[in-house]
Amino acid sequence: MIRNNEELVEPNALDRVTWALRRAELAVLALKEQRLRPLGLAASHYTLLMSVHSDPGLTGAELARRLNVTPQAVASLVARLESRGQLERREHPRHRHVQELHLTDAGSEILRAADKVIAGIEQQITGGLGPQESTQLRGLLDRVAETVRED
């Protein structure tokens, strides 16, 4: 039982860096979802297409690890994008039970359009911050990622 004067959380809990990161992440994600919707894409589709573009031949398991999601979530996204003709699975040259993922021409086309949308969001953010603060923020976010990475 909680006593009347007992604090559940620290008084400054909502002023933490982690909360500021989360608020920023949610705001950017909401904007991505809104602006990608006219293309028929969700932000998760863009992320998956971009990952396959940057490293063609990834397997679903590799993609799940990179995106920090379950293999089932990747399988569902891959199936959706495959049904739209944007992704294709190809048999691995040496392991016939392993399926590699590759963009199709349609996948490349939608990724190009989606990346223009994402570049616009990037310009909105960097325009609001200016070049010096944008560079500083990028450096700080890279340091946060390095600081919390567990080996």
N, C-alpha and C. Protein backbone atom coordinates (compact mmCIF):
# COMPACT_ATOMS: atom_id res chain seq x y z
N MET A 1 0.84 -1.18 0.00
CA MET A 1 0.00 0.00 0.00
C MET A 1 0.88 1.24 0.00
N ILE A 2 0.50 2.24 -0.77
CA ILE A 2 1.26 3.47 -0.87
C ILE A 2 0.77 4.44 0.20
N ARG A 3 1.74 4.99 0.91
CA ARG A 3 1.40 6.01 1.93
C ARG A 3 1.18 7.35 1.25
N ASN A 4 0.40 8.22 1.86
CA ASN A 4 0.06 9.51 1.27
C ASN A 4 1.28 10.35 0.89
N ASN A 5 2.32 10.30 1.69
CA ASN A 5 3.47 11.17 1.43
C ASN A 5 4.59 10.46 0.65
N GLU A 6 4.35 9.23 0.27
CA GLU A 6 5.38 8.47 -0.44
C GLU A 6 5.31 8.79 -1.94
N GLU A 7 6.46 9.16 -2.52
CA GLU A 7 6.54 9.47 -3.94
C GLU A 7 6.66 8.17 -4.75
N LEU A 8 5.89 8.06 -5.79
CA LEU A 8 6.00 6.91 -6.68
C LEU A 8 7.21 7.06 -7.61
N VAL A 9 7.44 8.28 -8.05
CA VAL A 9 8.58 8.58 -8.92
C VAL A 9 9.25 9.84 -8.40
N GLU A 10 10.44 10.08 -8.88
CA GLU A 10 11.15 11.29 -8.49
C GLU A 10 10.38 12.51 -8.99
N PRO A 11 10.43 13.61 -8.26
CA PRO A 11 9.67 14.81 -8.66
C PRO A 11 10.01 15.32 -10.06
N ASN A 12 11.24 15.13 -10.51
CA ASN A 12 11.65 15.63 -11.82
C ASN A 12 11.61 14.55 -12.90
N ALA A 13 10.86 13.49 -12.71
CA ALA A 13 10.86 12.35 -13.63
C ALA A 13 10.55 12.75 -15.08
N LEU A 14 9.63 13.69 -15.26
CA LEU A 14 9.26 14.10 -16.62
C LEU A 14 10.24 15.10 -17.24
N ASP A 15 11.24 15.51 -16.47
CA ASP A 15 12.27 16.42 -16.98
C ASP A 15 13.52 15.66 -17.40
N ARG A 16 13.48 14.35 -17.36
CA ARG A 16 14.64 13.54 -17.70
C ARG A 16 14.95 13.60 -19.20
N VAL A 17 16.21 13.38 -19.53
CA VAL A 17 16.66 13.33 -20.92
C VAL A 17 15.89 12.24 -21.67
N THR A 18 15.66 11.11 -21.01
CA THR A 18 14.97 10.00 -21.67
C THR A 18 13.55 10.39 -22.08
N TRP A 19 12.88 11.20 -21.26
CA TRP A 19 11.54 11.66 -21.64
C TRP A 19 11.60 12.64 -22.80
N ALA A 20 12.61 13.51 -22.80
CA ALA A 20 12.76 14.46 -23.91
C ALA A 20 13.03 13.70 -25.21
N LEU A 21 13.87 12.66 -25.14
CA LEU A 21 14.13 11.83 -26.32
C LEU A 21 12.85 11.18 -26.81
N ARG A 22 12.07 10.67 -25.89
CA ARG A 22 10.83 9.98 -26.27
C ARG A 22 9.83 10.95 -26.90
N ARG A 23 9.69 12.14 -26.32
CA ARG A 23 8.78 13.13 -26.89
C ARG A 23 9.19 13.50 -28.31
N ALA A 24 10.49 13.71 -28.52
CA ALA A 24 10.99 14.04 -29.85
C ALA A 24 10.76 12.88 -30.81
N GLU A 25 11.05 11.66 -30.35
CA GLU A 25 10.85 10.48 -31.19
C GLU A 25 9.39 10.34 -31.62
N LEU A 26 8.47 10.52 -30.67
CA LEU A 26 7.05 10.39 -31.00
C LEU A 26 6.58 11.49 -31.95
N ALA A 27 7.09 12.71 -31.76
CA ALA A 27 6.71 13.82 -32.64
C ALA A 27 7.20 13.57 -34.06
N VAL A 28 8.44 13.12 -34.22
CA VAL A 28 8.98 12.85 -35.55
C VAL A 28 8.26 11.66 -36.18
N LEU A 29 8.01 10.62 -35.41
CA LEU A 29 7.30 9.45 -35.94
C LEU A 29 5.90 9.82 -36.41
N ALA A 30 5.19 10.64 -35.63
CA ALA A 30 3.84 11.06 -36.02
C ALA A 30 3.88 11.84 -37.34
N LEU A 31 4.89 12.70 -37.48
CA LEU A 31 5.01 13.48 -38.72
C LEU A 31 5.34 12.57 -39.90
N LYS A 32 6.23 11.60 -39.69
CA LYS A 32 6.55 10.63 -40.75
C LYS A 32 5.30 9.88 -41.18
N GLU A 33 4.54 9.38 -40.21
CA GLU A 33 3.32 8.63 -40.53
C GLU A 33 2.36 9.48 -41.34
N GLN A 34 2.18 10.72 -40.91
CA GLN A 34 1.25 11.63 -41.60
C GLN A 34 1.69 11.90 -43.02
N ARG A 35 2.97 12.16 -43.21
CA ARG A 35 3.44 12.56 -44.53
C ARG A 35 3.69 11.37 -45.47
N LEU A 36 3.91 10.20 -44.93
CA LEU A 36 4.09 9.00 -45.77
C LEU A 36 2.75 8.37 -46.17
N ARG A 37 1.71 8.66 -45.40
CA ARG A 37 0.39 8.06 -45.64
C ARG A 37 -0.10 8.24 -47.08
N PRO A 38 0.05 9.43 -47.70
CA PRO A 38 -0.42 9.57 -49.08
C PRO A 38 0.30 8.63 -50.07
N LEU A 39 1.48 8.14 -49.70
CA LEU A 39 2.20 7.19 -50.55
C LEU A 39 1.77 5.75 -50.27
N GLY A 40 0.90 5.57 -49.28
CA GLY A 40 0.48 4.23 -48.90
C GLY A 40 1.50 3.51 -48.05
N LEU A 41 2.39 4.26 -47.42
CA LEU A 41 3.43 3.67 -46.59
C LEU A 41 3.29 4.10 -45.14
N ALA A 42 3.74 3.23 -44.27
CA ALA A 42 3.92 3.57 -42.87
C ALA A 42 5.42 3.80 -42.65
N ALA A 43 5.77 4.44 -41.56
CA ALA A 43 7.18 4.69 -41.25
C ALA A 43 7.96 3.38 -41.17
N SER A 44 7.32 2.34 -40.65
CA SER A 44 8.00 1.04 -40.55
C SER A 44 8.30 0.46 -41.93
N HIS A 45 7.44 0.72 -42.92
CA HIS A 45 7.70 0.26 -44.29
C HIS A 45 8.93 0.97 -44.85
N TYR A 46 8.98 2.29 -44.63
CA TYR A 46 10.12 3.07 -45.10
C TYR A 46 11.41 2.54 -44.47
N THR A 47 11.39 2.30 -43.17
CA THR A 47 12.58 1.82 -42.47
C THR A 47 13.03 0.48 -43.04
N LEU A 48 12.09 -0.42 -43.28
CA LEU A 48 12.45 -1.73 -43.83
C LEU A 48 12.99 -1.60 -45.25
N LEU A 49 12.33 -0.81 -46.09
CA LEU A 49 12.79 -0.63 -47.46
C LEU A 49 14.18 0.01 -47.48
N MET A 50 14.40 1.00 -46.62
CA MET A 50 15.71 1.65 -46.55
C MET A 50 16.78 0.67 -46.11
N SER A 51 16.46 -0.18 -45.15
CA SER A 51 17.42 -1.17 -44.67
C SER A 51 17.80 -2.16 -45.76
N VAL A 52 16.82 -2.63 -46.51
CA VAL A 52 17.10 -3.57 -47.60
C VAL A 52 17.87 -2.88 -48.72
N HIS A 53 17.54 -1.62 -48.98
CA HIS A 53 18.27 -0.86 -50.00
C HIS A 53 19.74 -0.70 -49.61
N SER A 54 19.98 -0.37 -48.35
CA SER A 54 21.36 -0.11 -47.93
C SER A 54 22.17 -1.39 -47.77
N ASP A 55 21.49 -2.52 -47.61
CA ASP A 55 22.20 -3.80 -47.47
C ASP A 55 21.40 -4.91 -48.16
N PRO A 56 21.40 -4.92 -49.50
CA PRO A 56 20.61 -5.93 -50.22
C PRO A 56 21.04 -7.35 -49.84
N GLY A 57 20.05 -8.22 -49.75
CA GLY A 57 20.35 -9.62 -49.44
C GLY A 57 20.22 -9.95 -47.97
N LEU A 58 19.77 -8.99 -47.18
CA LEU A 58 19.52 -9.28 -45.76
C LEU A 58 18.48 -10.38 -45.64
N THR A 59 18.60 -11.16 -44.60
CA THR A 59 17.55 -12.14 -44.29
C THR A 59 16.57 -11.49 -43.32
N GLY A 60 15.43 -12.12 -43.16
CA GLY A 60 14.45 -11.61 -42.20
C GLY A 60 15.00 -11.56 -40.79
N ALA A 61 15.75 -12.58 -40.40
CA ALA A 61 16.32 -12.62 -39.05
C ALA A 61 17.33 -11.48 -38.85
N GLU A 62 18.18 -11.26 -39.86
CA GLU A 62 19.15 -10.16 -39.76
C GLU A 62 18.43 -8.82 -39.66
N LEU A 63 17.39 -8.67 -40.44
CA LEU A 63 16.62 -7.43 -40.44
C LEU A 63 15.95 -7.22 -39.08
N ALA A 64 15.39 -8.26 -38.51
CA ALA A 64 14.75 -8.16 -37.20
C ALA A 64 15.76 -7.69 -36.14
N ARG A 65 16.97 -8.25 -36.17
CA ARG A 65 17.99 -7.82 -35.21
C ARG A 65 18.36 -6.36 -35.41
N ARG A 66 18.53 -5.95 -36.65
CA ARG A 66 18.90 -4.55 -36.95
C ARG A 66 17.82 -3.57 -36.52
N LEU A 67 16.58 -3.94 -36.73
CA LEU A 67 15.47 -3.04 -36.43
C LEU A 67 14.96 -3.18 -35.00
N ASN A 68 15.53 -4.15 -34.29
CA ASN A 68 15.15 -4.40 -32.90
C ASN A 68 13.65 -4.71 -32.77
N VAL A 69 13.19 -5.59 -33.66
CA VAL A 69 11.81 -6.07 -33.61
C VAL A 69 11.84 -7.59 -33.70
N THR A 70 10.70 -8.19 -33.52
CA THR A 70 10.65 -9.65 -33.57
C THR A 70 10.71 -10.13 -35.03
N PRO A 71 11.19 -11.35 -35.22
CA PRO A 71 11.16 -11.91 -36.58
C PRO A 71 9.74 -11.97 -37.15
N GLN A 72 8.76 -12.18 -36.28
CA GLN A 72 7.36 -12.23 -36.73
C GLN A 72 6.92 -10.87 -37.27
N ALA A 73 7.36 -9.79 -36.62
CA ALA A 73 7.00 -8.45 -37.09
C ALA A 73 7.62 -8.19 -38.46
N VAL A 74 8.87 -8.59 -38.63
CA VAL A 74 9.53 -8.42 -39.93
C VAL A 74 8.83 -9.26 -40.98
N ALA A 75 8.49 -10.49 -40.64
CA ALA A 75 7.83 -11.38 -41.60
C ALA A 75 6.52 -10.76 -42.08
N SER A 76 5.78 -10.16 -41.17
CA SER A 76 4.52 -9.52 -41.53
C SER A 76 4.74 -8.33 -42.46
N LEU A 77 5.72 -7.48 -42.14
CA LEU A 77 6.03 -6.34 -42.99
C LEU A 77 6.53 -6.79 -44.36
N VAL A 78 7.40 -7.78 -44.37
CA VAL A 78 7.94 -8.30 -45.63
C VAL A 78 6.80 -8.85 -46.49
N ALA A 79 5.90 -9.61 -45.88
CA ALA A 79 4.78 -10.17 -46.63
C ALA A 79 3.93 -9.07 -47.25
N ARG A 80 3.69 -8.01 -46.49
CA ARG A 80 2.88 -6.90 -47.00
C ARG A 80 3.58 -6.21 -48.18
N LEU A 81 4.87 -5.93 -48.02
CA LEU A 81 5.61 -5.25 -49.09
C LEU A 81 5.82 -6.16 -50.30
N GLU A 82 5.95 -7.45 -50.04
CA GLU A 82 6.08 -8.41 -51.13
C GLU A 82 4.77 -8.49 -51.92
N SER A 83 3.64 -8.47 -51.22
CA SER A 83 2.34 -8.54 -51.90
C SER A 83 2.10 -7.29 -52.76
N ARG A 84 2.74 -6.20 -52.41
CA ARG A 84 2.64 -4.96 -53.19
C ARG A 84 3.66 -4.92 -54.34
N GLY A 85 4.50 -5.94 -54.40
CA GLY A 85 5.51 -5.99 -55.45
C GLY A 85 6.71 -5.10 -55.19
N GLN A 86 6.91 -4.70 -53.93
CA GLN A 86 8.01 -3.79 -53.59
C GLN A 86 9.26 -4.52 -53.08
N LEU A 87 9.08 -5.73 -52.63
CA LEU A 87 10.18 -6.56 -52.13
C LEU A 87 10.06 -7.93 -52.77
N GLU A 88 11.21 -8.59 -52.90
CA GLU A 88 11.18 -9.98 -53.34
C GLU A 88 12.17 -10.78 -52.51
N ARG A 89 11.83 -12.04 -52.35
CA ARG A 89 12.72 -12.97 -51.65
C ARG A 89 13.45 -13.78 -52.71
N ARG A 90 14.74 -13.96 -52.48
CA ARG A 90 15.54 -14.79 -53.38
C ARG A 90 16.28 -15.83 -52.54
N GLU A 91 16.43 -16.99 -53.12
CA GLU A 91 17.15 -18.05 -52.44
C GLU A 91 18.62 -17.66 -52.30
N HIS A 92 19.17 -17.89 -51.10
CA HIS A 92 20.58 -17.63 -50.85
C HIS A 92 21.41 -18.54 -51.76
N PRO A 93 22.51 -18.03 -52.35
CA PRO A 93 23.27 -18.86 -53.29
C PRO A 93 23.85 -20.14 -52.69
N ARG A 94 24.19 -20.13 -51.40
CA ARG A 94 24.80 -21.32 -50.79
C ARG A 94 23.88 -22.05 -49.81
N HIS A 95 22.86 -21.37 -49.30
CA HIS A 95 21.95 -21.98 -48.32
C HIS A 95 20.53 -21.90 -48.86
N ARG A 96 20.08 -22.96 -49.45
CA ARG A 96 18.79 -22.91 -50.16
C ARG A 96 17.59 -22.70 -49.25
N HIS A 97 17.74 -22.88 -47.93
CA HIS A 97 16.62 -22.64 -47.02
C HIS A 97 16.59 -21.20 -46.50
N VAL A 98 17.59 -20.42 -46.86
CA VAL A 98 17.67 -19.02 -46.43
C VAL A 98 17.17 -18.13 -47.56
N GLN A 99 16.29 -17.22 -47.22
CA GLN A 99 15.72 -16.29 -48.20
C GLN A 99 16.33 -14.90 -47.99
N GLU A 100 16.88 -14.34 -49.04
CA GLU A 100 17.42 -12.99 -49.00
C GLU A 100 16.35 -12.02 -49.49
N LEU A 101 16.40 -10.80 -48.97
CA LEU A 101 15.43 -9.78 -49.36
C LEU A 101 16.07 -8.76 -50.29
N HIS A 102 15.33 -8.40 -51.34
CA HIS A 102 15.80 -7.43 -52.32
C HIS A 102 14.65 -6.52 -52.72
N LEU A 103 14.97 -5.27 -53.01
CA LEU A 103 13.97 -4.35 -53.54
C LEU A 103 13.67 -4.72 -54.98
N THR A 104 12.44 -4.55 -55.36
CA THR A 104 12.05 -4.65 -56.77
C THR A 104 12.14 -3.25 -57.37
N ASP A 105 11.87 -3.14 -58.65
CA ASP A 105 11.83 -1.81 -59.28
C ASP A 105 10.75 -0.95 -58.61
N ALA A 106 9.60 -1.56 -58.32
CA ALA A 106 8.53 -0.82 -57.65
C ALA A 106 8.95 -0.40 -56.24
N GLY A 107 9.70 -1.27 -55.56
CA GLY A 107 10.20 -0.93 -54.24
C GLY A 107 11.19 0.22 -54.29
N SER A 108 12.05 0.22 -55.29
CA SER A 108 13.00 1.33 -55.46
C SER A 108 12.27 2.63 -55.75
N GLU A 109 11.23 2.53 -56.54
CA GLU A 109 10.46 3.72 -56.90
C GLU A 109 9.75 4.31 -55.69
N ILE A 110 9.10 3.47 -54.90
CA ILE A 110 8.39 3.99 -53.72
C ILE A 110 9.38 4.48 -52.67
N LEU A 111 10.53 3.82 -52.56
CA LEU A 111 11.55 4.28 -51.61
C LEU A 111 12.07 5.65 -52.01
N ARG A 112 12.27 5.87 -53.30
CA ARG A 112 12.73 7.18 -53.78
C ARG A 112 11.73 8.26 -53.38
N ALA A 113 10.45 8.01 -53.60
CA ALA A 113 9.41 8.98 -53.25
C ALA A 113 9.34 9.19 -51.74
N ALA A 114 9.42 8.10 -50.99
CA ALA A 114 9.35 8.20 -49.53
C ALA A 114 10.56 8.94 -48.97
N ASP A 115 11.72 8.72 -49.56
CA ASP A 115 12.91 9.38 -49.06
C ASP A 115 12.84 10.89 -49.28
N LYS A 116 12.18 11.31 -50.33
CA LYS A 116 11.97 12.76 -50.53
C LYS A 116 11.11 13.33 -49.41
N VAL A 117 10.12 12.58 -48.99
CA VAL A 117 9.27 13.00 -47.87
C VAL A 117 10.11 13.10 -46.59
N ILE A 118 10.91 12.08 -46.33
CA ILE A 118 11.73 12.05 -45.12
C ILE A 118 12.78 13.17 -45.16
N ALA A 119 13.35 13.43 -46.34
CA ALA A 119 14.31 14.53 -46.49
C ALA A 119 13.64 15.86 -46.17
N GLY A 120 12.37 16.01 -46.54
CA GLY A 120 11.63 17.23 -46.20
C GLY A 120 11.47 17.39 -44.70
N ILE A 121 11.22 16.30 -44.00
CA ILE A 121 11.11 16.35 -42.53
C ILE A 121 12.47 16.72 -41.94
N GLU A 122 13.53 16.13 -42.48
CA GLU A 122 14.88 16.46 -42.03
C GLU A 122 15.16 17.95 -42.21
N GLN A 123 14.78 18.49 -43.36
CA GLN A 123 14.98 19.92 -43.61
C GLN A 123 14.18 20.78 -42.64
N GLN A 124 12.98 20.33 -42.30
CA GLN A 124 12.16 21.07 -41.35
C GLN A 124 12.85 21.12 -39.99
N ILE A 125 13.40 20.00 -39.57
CA ILE A 125 14.07 19.93 -38.27
C ILE A 125 15.34 20.76 -38.28
N THR A 126 16.18 20.54 -39.29
CA THR A 126 17.46 21.25 -39.32
C THR A 126 17.26 22.75 -39.59
N GLY A 127 16.20 23.09 -40.33
CA GLY A 127 15.89 24.51 -40.55
C GLY A 127 15.48 25.19 -39.26
N GLY A 128 14.75 24.47 -38.42
CA GLY A 128 14.33 25.03 -37.14
C GLY A 128 15.48 25.16 -36.16
N LEU A 129 16.45 24.28 -36.29
CA LEU A 129 17.60 24.31 -35.37
C LEU A 129 18.74 25.18 -35.88
N GLY A 130 18.93 25.19 -37.18
CA GLY A 130 20.10 25.85 -37.76
C GLY A 130 21.25 24.88 -37.87
N PRO A 131 22.26 25.22 -38.68
CA PRO A 131 23.35 24.29 -38.95
C PRO A 131 24.16 23.90 -37.70
N GLN A 132 24.48 24.87 -36.88
CA GLN A 132 25.31 24.57 -35.70
C GLN A 132 24.59 23.68 -34.71
N GLU A 133 23.34 23.99 -34.39
CA GLU A 133 22.59 23.16 -33.44
C GLU A 133 22.28 21.79 -34.03
N SER A 134 22.04 21.72 -35.34
CA SER A 134 21.79 20.43 -35.98
C SER A 134 23.01 19.52 -35.85
N THR A 135 24.17 20.07 -36.11
CA THR A 135 25.42 19.30 -35.96
C THR A 135 25.63 18.90 -34.51
N GLN A 136 25.37 19.81 -33.61
CA GLN A 136 25.52 19.53 -32.18
C GLN A 136 24.55 18.43 -31.74
N LEU A 137 23.28 18.53 -32.17
CA LEU A 137 22.29 17.52 -31.80
C LEU A 137 22.68 16.15 -32.33
N ARG A 138 23.10 16.10 -33.57
CA ARG A 138 23.52 14.82 -34.16
C ARG A 138 24.65 14.20 -33.35
N GLY A 139 25.63 15.01 -32.99
CA GLY A 139 26.75 14.53 -32.18
C GLY A 139 26.30 14.04 -30.82
N LEU A 140 25.40 14.79 -30.19
CA LEU A 140 24.90 14.38 -28.87
C LEU A 140 24.09 13.09 -28.96
N LEU A 141 23.25 12.96 -29.98
CA LEU A 141 22.47 11.73 -30.13
C LEU A 141 23.37 10.53 -30.41
N ASP A 142 24.43 10.73 -31.20
CA ASP A 142 25.39 9.65 -31.43
C ASP A 142 26.06 9.25 -30.11
N ARG A 143 26.38 10.24 -29.29
CA ARG A 143 27.00 9.94 -27.98
C ARG A 143 26.02 9.21 -27.06
N VAL A 144 24.76 9.59 -27.09
CA VAL A 144 23.75 8.88 -26.29
C VAL A 144 23.71 7.43 -26.71
N ALA A 145 23.66 7.18 -28.02
CA ALA A 145 23.60 5.81 -28.53
C ALA A 145 24.83 5.01 -28.08
N GLU A 146 25.99 5.62 -28.14
CA GLU A 146 27.22 4.94 -27.71
C GLU A 146 27.22 4.69 -26.21
N THR A 147 26.71 5.65 -25.45
CA THR A 147 26.72 5.55 -23.99
C THR A 147 25.82 4.43 -23.48
N VAL A 148 24.67 4.24 -24.13
CA VAL A 148 23.73 3.23 -23.63
C VAL A 148 23.89 1.88 -24.30
N ARG A 149 24.72 1.81 -25.33
CA ARG A 149 24.92 0.53 -26.02
C ARG A 149 25.56 -0.46 -25.09
N GLU A 150 24.96 -1.62 -24.99
CA GLU A 150 25.51 -2.71 -24.16
C GLU A 150 26.27 -3.67 -25.05
N ASP A 151 27.48 -3.99 -24.65
CA ASP A 151 28.29 -4.91 -25.45
C ASP A 151 28.11 -6.33 -25.02
